[in-house]
Amino acid sequence: MVALVAVALWACGKGKAEPSATPGAAPDQTAPLLKAQGTDALPAETRVIVGLSVPKIASAPLARRLVADLLGRDAEARQRLADILARCKIDPEKDVESLTIGMVEGQDLALLVRGKLDEKSLAECVRAEATAGGGSFADQPLLGRTVYVATSKEGGQKVLFTFAPDKTLVVALSEAWLTKILDPKAPKLDGAKDKEMVALLGRVSKDAAVWGTGFLPPGVGKNLLEVTGGQVTQPAQSTAFEAAFDKGLVATLRLDMKGATDAEKLAAFVKSQLDWLAVAAQKYSIGPVVAKIQVVSDQASVKISAHLDENDVKTLEAALAKSEKKEQSK
């Protein structure tokens, strides 16, 4: 679990930007949306959310390869995670249905895991892992539930987890954040009050294999200014993305800017980069695939989308395999 949380922290970043004005959805429409996405348990302060459907990722060869490539960037961490899962007798493809990651300012993070995990077995396994590394493990009561606390040897890293009544595994990095998730009286994401965040959630589909949305940390938003050489004058404010692998690949990334001018400038910059990428991609025979990536600006937003059919995906997989073999031969 510590490894999973670490991966989530690395992927999502930290902090938040000031929210931009975004119209909210009607309150009577948001409750089903939040429940369907598994986000109805997240505290109202949540500003970044990522969701993954493990069965949908596992059933798509391209998705599996992309995940393997991501984890493969740190071979040691990948092997360590694999070893931990093996010792804990957890097969993600069989035992995990979905993961939902919620983040707020700083490093507060929630990881909700739905599946077939056994509380006693997981607690004993984490206990063994924590103490074997010189750390400590304890359990304590919290709001009528047993909360397990694993602390690193130096005491600098602490992970708390428990099981909700519906058997969802709830993981957090602080007792305060875990309490906000478990306490039914604590404010949760609500369409009537958290219109901006819920409006962002309304942009992504609960049926996607991978999706995410949230307000961008200041540092991430400012990176666009440097990347575009000053063509974009204000940091990006928020983002939403999703990817589905049912028949080919359908992926969308949306960035919300401060104004329409910056959106137009960013769209033009991305298009120019894609033109160069399409030329370079000819080396791997995927120029036509890259050419299917579409970029449009809509008021203060930039939308980047790709609709690839099954043949396109096979071409892309072959190119990735070719690149992988080339790297291995070095």
Protein backbone atom coordinates (compact mmCIF):
# COMPACT_ATOMS: atom_id res chain seq x y z
CA MET A 1 0.00 0.00 0.00
CA VAL A 2 2.87 2.36 0.73
CA ALA A 3 4.18 1.73 -2.78
CA LEU A 4 0.77 2.40 -4.33
CA VAL A 5 0.44 5.66 -2.43
CA ALA A 6 3.95 6.70 -3.48
CA VAL A 7 3.11 6.08 -7.14
CA ALA A 8 -0.07 8.11 -6.76
CA LEU A 9 1.79 11.02 -5.19
CA TRP A 10 4.37 11.05 -7.97
CA ALA A 11 1.75 10.93 -10.69
CA CYS A 12 -0.60 13.57 -9.36
CA GLY A 13 1.79 16.19 -7.99
CA LYS A 14 0.73 18.38 -5.10
CA GLY A 15 -0.81 21.72 -4.28
CA LYS A 16 -3.64 23.53 -6.06
CA ALA A 17 -4.28 26.54 -8.19
CA GLU A 18 -6.95 29.13 -7.63
CA PRO A 19 -10.10 27.78 -9.26
CA SER A 20 -11.33 29.38 -12.44
CA ALA A 21 -14.95 30.23 -12.98
CA THR A 22 -16.71 27.13 -14.26
CA PRO A 23 -20.47 26.62 -14.29
CA GLY A 24 -21.67 23.83 -12.00
CA ALA A 25 -24.11 21.05 -12.73
CA ALA A 26 -27.56 21.00 -11.18
CA PRO A 27 -27.55 19.49 -7.65
CA ASP A 28 -30.18 16.87 -8.50
CA GLN A 29 -27.91 15.51 -11.24
CA THR A 30 -24.66 15.32 -9.32
CA ALA A 31 -25.41 12.73 -6.62
CA PRO A 32 -25.67 9.84 -9.12
CA LEU A 33 -22.60 11.14 -10.95
CA LEU A 34 -20.46 11.27 -7.80
CA LYS A 35 -21.61 7.83 -6.67
CA ALA A 36 -20.99 6.30 -10.11
CA GLN A 37 -17.46 7.71 -10.16
CA GLY A 38 -16.76 6.61 -6.59
CA THR A 39 -16.06 10.19 -5.55
CA ASP A 40 -19.01 10.78 -3.23
CA ALA A 41 -16.88 9.82 -0.19
CA LEU A 42 -14.16 12.39 -0.91
CA PRO A 43 -13.93 15.52 1.26
CA ALA A 44 -15.16 18.83 -0.12
CA GLU A 45 -11.59 20.17 -0.18
CA THR A 46 -10.52 17.62 -2.83
CA ARG A 47 -8.94 19.35 -5.81
CA VAL A 48 -7.42 16.51 -7.88
CA ILE A 49 -9.13 13.20 -8.65
CA VAL A 50 -7.89 10.26 -10.74
CA GLY A 51 -9.86 7.09 -11.42
CA LEU A 52 -8.73 3.74 -12.86
CA SER A 53 -10.75 0.69 -13.86
CA VAL A 54 -8.39 -2.23 -13.41
CA PRO A 55 -10.42 -4.75 -15.47
CA LYS A 56 -10.62 -2.35 -18.43
CA ILE A 57 -6.90 -1.64 -18.29
CA ALA A 58 -6.02 -5.33 -17.89
CA SER A 59 -8.15 -6.34 -20.89
CA ALA A 60 -6.49 -3.87 -23.27
CA PRO A 61 -3.00 -4.85 -24.55
CA LEU A 62 -2.09 -1.23 -25.29
CA ALA A 63 -3.10 -0.11 -21.81
CA ARG A 64 -1.11 -2.95 -20.24
CA ARG A 65 1.95 -1.97 -22.25
CA LEU A 66 1.64 1.69 -21.31
CA VAL A 67 1.36 0.80 -17.61
CA ALA A 68 4.35 -1.54 -17.90
CA ASP A 69 6.37 1.19 -19.61
CA LEU A 70 5.44 3.65 -16.87
CA LEU A 71 6.47 1.28 -14.08
CA GLY A 72 9.50 0.15 -16.06
CA ARG A 73 11.08 3.59 -15.78
CA ASP A 74 12.08 2.56 -12.27
CA ALA A 75 12.87 -1.14 -12.49
CA GLU A 76 13.77 -1.38 -8.81
CA ALA A 77 10.48 0.17 -7.68
CA ARG A 78 8.53 -2.01 -10.10
CA GLN A 79 10.14 -5.18 -8.76
CA ARG A 80 9.64 -4.07 -5.18
CA LEU A 81 5.95 -3.47 -5.82
CA ALA A 82 5.62 -6.85 -7.54
CA ASP A 83 7.32 -8.56 -4.60
CA ILE A 84 5.03 -6.87 -2.07
CA LEU A 85 1.90 -7.83 -4.01
CA ALA A 86 3.16 -11.40 -4.27
CA ARG A 87 3.88 -11.66 -0.55
CA CYS A 88 0.49 -10.16 0.25
CA LYS A 89 -1.11 -12.59 -2.21
CA ILE A 90 -2.80 -9.78 -4.13
CA ASP A 91 -3.44 -10.16 -7.84
CA PRO A 92 -4.55 -6.69 -9.00
CA GLU A 93 -6.27 -8.08 -12.11
CA LYS A 94 -8.42 -10.44 -10.03
CA ASP A 95 -8.69 -8.70 -6.68
CA VAL A 96 -9.04 -5.01 -7.58
CA GLU A 97 -11.95 -3.50 -9.49
CA SER A 98 -11.16 0.19 -9.33
CA LEU A 99 -8.92 2.79 -7.73
CA THR A 100 -9.89 6.37 -7.01
CA ILE A 101 -7.23 8.86 -5.93
CA GLY A 102 -8.19 12.17 -4.34
CA MET A 103 -5.77 14.94 -3.42
CA VAL A 104 -5.89 18.32 -1.76
CA GLU A 105 -3.37 21.07 -1.02
CA GLY A 106 -0.05 19.79 0.25
CA GLN A 107 0.41 16.03 0.44
CA ASP A 108 -2.97 14.95 1.79
CA LEU A 109 -4.05 12.04 -0.34
CA ALA A 110 -6.84 9.48 -0.32
CA LEU A 111 -6.76 6.16 -2.14
CA LEU A 112 -10.05 4.25 -2.41
CA VAL A 113 -9.66 0.66 -3.59
CA ARG A 114 -12.72 -1.38 -4.47
CA GLY A 115 -12.39 -5.10 -4.96
CA LYS A 116 -11.99 -8.38 -3.10
CA LEU A 117 -9.35 -7.53 -0.53
CA ASP A 118 -9.42 -9.30 2.82
CA GLU A 119 -8.94 -6.96 5.79
CA LYS A 120 -7.21 -9.43 8.13
CA SER A 121 -4.83 -10.77 5.48
CA LEU A 122 -3.90 -7.30 4.26
CA ALA A 123 -3.32 -5.99 7.78
CA GLU A 124 -1.02 -8.90 8.64
CA CYS A 125 0.91 -8.52 5.40
CA VAL A 126 1.44 -4.77 5.84
CA ARG A 127 2.46 -5.41 9.44
CA ALA A 128 5.12 -7.86 8.26
CA GLU A 129 6.37 -5.49 5.55
CA ALA A 130 6.53 -2.47 7.87
CA THR A 131 8.31 -4.21 10.75
CA ALA A 132 10.72 -6.06 8.45
CA GLY A 133 12.01 -2.70 7.26
CA GLY A 134 12.51 -1.42 10.79
CA GLY A 135 9.27 0.49 10.91
CA SER A 136 6.27 0.06 13.18
CA PHE A 137 2.68 -1.06 12.81
CA ALA A 138 -0.27 -0.48 15.08
CA ASP A 139 -4.04 -0.37 15.04
CA GLN A 140 -6.29 2.20 16.68
CA PRO A 141 -10.01 2.99 16.85
CA LEU A 142 -11.43 5.82 14.76
CA LEU A 143 -15.13 6.57 14.38
CA GLY A 144 -16.07 3.04 15.30
CA ARG A 145 -13.62 1.43 12.88
CA THR A 146 -10.20 -0.16 13.27
CA VAL A 147 -7.56 1.94 11.56
CA TYR A 148 -4.15 0.44 10.80
CA VAL A 149 -1.07 2.68 10.90
CA ALA A 150 2.23 1.78 9.24
CA THR A 151 5.16 4.08 10.04
CA SER A 152 8.56 4.08 8.35
CA LYS A 153 11.78 3.44 10.30
CA GLU A 154 12.67 7.12 10.41
CA GLY A 155 9.11 8.08 11.23
CA GLY A 156 8.88 10.44 8.28
CA GLN A 157 6.35 8.42 6.32
CA LYS A 158 3.04 7.26 7.72
CA VAL A 159 0.23 5.43 5.95
CA LEU A 160 -3.17 4.82 7.52
CA PHE A 161 -5.79 2.46 6.14
CA THR A 162 -9.10 0.92 7.06
CA PHE A 163 -12.09 -0.73 5.43
CA ALA A 164 -15.40 1.01 4.89
CA PRO A 165 -18.69 -0.87 5.53
CA ASP A 166 -18.95 -1.67 1.79
CA LYS A 167 -15.48 -3.32 1.97
CA THR A 168 -13.76 -0.43 0.17
CA LEU A 169 -10.15 -0.08 1.27
CA VAL A 170 -9.51 3.53 2.33
CA VAL A 171 -5.90 4.72 2.48
CA ALA A 172 -4.68 8.14 3.64
CA LEU A 173 -1.44 9.83 4.64
CA SER A 174 -2.81 11.64 7.68
CA GLU A 175 -5.37 10.92 10.38
CA ALA A 176 -7.05 14.26 9.76
CA TRP A 177 -7.66 13.46 6.08
CA LEU A 178 -8.81 9.90 6.84
CA THR A 179 -11.24 11.27 9.43
CA LYS A 180 -12.78 13.60 6.85
CA ILE A 181 -13.37 10.64 4.55
CA LEU A 182 -14.88 8.37 7.21
CA ASP A 183 -16.93 10.92 9.15
CA PRO A 184 -20.43 11.07 7.58
CA LYS A 185 -20.87 14.54 9.09
CA ALA A 186 -17.74 15.94 7.42
CA PRO A 187 -18.48 17.93 4.23
CA LYS A 188 -18.11 15.82 1.08
CA LEU A 189 -18.09 16.78 -2.58
CA ASP A 190 -21.53 18.22 -3.25
CA GLY A 191 -22.93 19.64 -6.45
CA ALA A 192 -24.74 22.39 -4.60
CA LYS A 193 -21.61 23.67 -2.84
CA ASP A 194 -18.61 22.46 -4.83
CA LYS A 195 -19.85 23.45 -8.27
CA GLU A 196 -16.44 23.99 -9.85
CA MET A 197 -15.00 20.60 -8.88
CA VAL A 198 -18.22 18.74 -9.71
CA ALA A 199 -18.42 20.53 -13.07
CA LEU A 200 -14.95 19.19 -13.87
CA LEU A 201 -16.06 15.69 -12.90
CA GLY A 202 -18.97 16.06 -15.30
CA ARG A 203 -16.51 16.30 -18.19
CA VAL A 204 -15.20 12.77 -17.80
CA SER A 205 -16.99 9.48 -18.30
CA LYS A 206 -17.33 6.92 -15.53
CA ASP A 207 -16.97 4.28 -18.26
CA ALA A 208 -13.41 5.32 -19.18
CA ALA A 209 -10.55 3.00 -18.26
CA VAL A 210 -8.53 5.93 -16.92
CA TRP A 211 -9.81 9.40 -16.11
CA GLY A 212 -8.79 12.38 -14.06
CA THR A 213 -9.68 15.96 -13.36
CA GLY A 214 -8.71 18.79 -11.07
CA PHE A 215 -7.16 22.18 -10.52
CA LEU A 216 -3.52 22.38 -11.55
CA PRO A 217 -0.81 23.18 -8.99
CA PRO A 218 0.82 26.57 -9.67
CA GLY A 219 4.13 25.00 -10.71
CA VAL A 220 2.50 22.71 -13.27
CA GLY A 221 0.39 25.49 -14.71
CA LYS A 222 3.41 27.79 -15.06
CA ASN A 223 5.36 25.16 -16.99
CA LEU A 224 3.28 25.99 -20.04
CA LEU A 225 4.70 29.52 -20.04
CA GLU A 226 8.24 28.16 -20.32
CA VAL A 227 7.42 25.39 -22.78
CA THR A 228 5.67 27.77 -25.16
CA GLY A 229 8.44 30.36 -24.93
CA GLY A 230 6.12 32.96 -23.48
CA GLN A 231 3.40 32.59 -26.12
CA VAL A 232 1.04 31.61 -23.32
CA THR A 233 0.96 34.39 -20.74
CA GLN A 234 -1.05 32.89 -17.84
CA PRO A 235 -0.80 29.45 -16.17
CA ALA A 236 -3.34 26.78 -17.00
CA GLN A 237 -6.05 26.57 -14.35
CA SER A 238 -7.60 23.11 -14.51
CA THR A 239 -7.64 19.93 -16.55
CA ALA A 240 -9.72 16.86 -17.37
CA PHE A 241 -8.64 13.73 -19.20
CA GLU A 242 -9.95 10.28 -20.03
CA ALA A 243 -8.97 7.24 -22.06
CA ALA A 244 -11.02 4.25 -23.20
CA PHE A 245 -9.65 1.10 -24.86
CA ASP A 246 -12.88 -0.70 -25.79
CA LYS A 247 -12.39 -0.57 -29.58
CA GLY A 248 -9.06 0.98 -30.34
CA LEU A 249 -8.24 4.06 -28.29
CA VAL A 250 -10.32 7.14 -27.55
CA ALA A 251 -8.46 9.69 -25.44
CA THR A 252 -9.18 13.30 -24.58
CA LEU A 253 -7.21 15.93 -22.66
CA ARG A 254 -8.74 19.32 -21.86
CA LEU A 255 -6.88 22.28 -20.41
CA ASP A 256 -8.66 25.36 -19.08
CA MET A 257 -6.78 28.63 -19.48
CA LYS A 258 -7.29 32.10 -18.01
CA GLY A 259 -8.68 33.45 -21.26
CA ALA A 260 -9.52 32.70 -24.89
CA THR A 261 -6.33 34.31 -26.23
CA ASP A 262 -4.08 31.98 -24.25
CA ALA A 263 -6.23 29.02 -25.33
CA GLU A 264 -5.77 29.96 -28.99
CA LYS A 265 -2.02 30.44 -28.52
CA LEU A 266 -1.66 27.08 -26.77
CA ALA A 267 -3.71 25.27 -29.42
CA ALA A 268 -1.54 26.76 -32.18
CA PHE A 269 1.64 25.76 -30.32
CA VAL A 270 0.46 22.17 -29.80
CA LYS A 271 -0.52 21.87 -33.47
CA SER A 272 2.96 23.01 -34.55
CA GLN A 273 4.57 20.43 -32.27
CA LEU A 274 2.32 17.69 -33.63
CA ASP A 275 3.35 18.59 -37.17
CA TRP A 276 6.99 17.97 -36.25
CA LEU A 277 6.06 14.82 -34.35
CA ALA A 278 4.18 13.44 -37.36
CA VAL A 279 7.30 13.82 -39.47
CA ALA A 280 9.53 12.17 -36.85
CA ALA A 281 6.97 9.39 -36.39
CA GLN A 282 7.44 8.28 -39.99
CA LYS A 283 10.57 6.50 -38.78
CA TYR A 284 8.32 4.08 -36.90
CA SER A 285 5.55 4.11 -39.54
CA ILE A 286 3.09 5.82 -37.21
CA GLY A 287 2.90 9.19 -38.94
CA PRO A 288 -0.75 8.57 -40.00
CA VAL A 289 -1.60 7.64 -36.40
CA VAL A 290 -0.11 10.86 -35.02
CA ALA A 291 -2.00 12.78 -37.72
CA LYS A 292 -5.27 11.64 -36.14
CA ILE A 293 -4.63 13.70 -33.02
CA GLN A 294 -6.93 16.71 -33.10
CA VAL A 295 -6.42 20.04 -31.31
CA VAL A 296 -9.11 22.70 -30.98
CA SER A 297 -9.62 25.76 -28.81
CA ASP A 298 -13.08 26.48 -27.43
CA GLN A 299 -13.38 29.82 -25.65
CA ALA A 300 -10.87 29.53 -22.76
CA SER A 301 -10.22 25.80 -23.16
CA VAL A 302 -7.95 23.64 -25.33
CA LYS A 303 -9.08 20.13 -26.23
CA ILE A 304 -6.64 17.51 -27.50
CA SER A 305 -8.23 14.27 -28.67
CA ALA A 306 -7.31 11.05 -30.43
CA HIS A 307 -9.70 8.51 -31.94
CA LEU A 308 -7.73 5.46 -33.06
CA ASP A 309 -9.30 2.32 -34.50
CA GLU A 310 -8.07 -1.21 -33.83
CA ASN A 311 -5.66 -1.14 -36.79
CA ASP A 312 -4.17 2.13 -35.53
CA VAL A 313 -3.65 0.57 -32.11
CA LYS A 314 -1.92 -2.47 -33.62
CA THR A 315 0.39 -0.14 -35.54
CA LEU A 316 1.15 1.79 -32.37
CA GLU A 317 1.80 -1.40 -30.38
CA ALA A 318 4.20 -2.63 -33.07
CA ALA A 319 6.07 0.68 -32.97
CA LEU A 320 6.35 0.54 -29.19
CA ALA A 321 7.63 -3.03 -29.37
CA LYS A 322 10.19 -2.03 -31.99
CA SER A 323 11.37 0.87 -29.86
CA GLU A 324 11.60 -1.39 -26.81
CA LYS A 325 13.77 -3.93 -28.64
CA LYS A 326 16.03 -1.16 -29.83
CA GLU A 327 16.50 0.10 -26.28
CA GLN A 328 17.22 -3.40 -25.00
CA SER A 329 19.88 -3.97 -27.65
CA LYS A 330 21.89 -0.92 -26.54
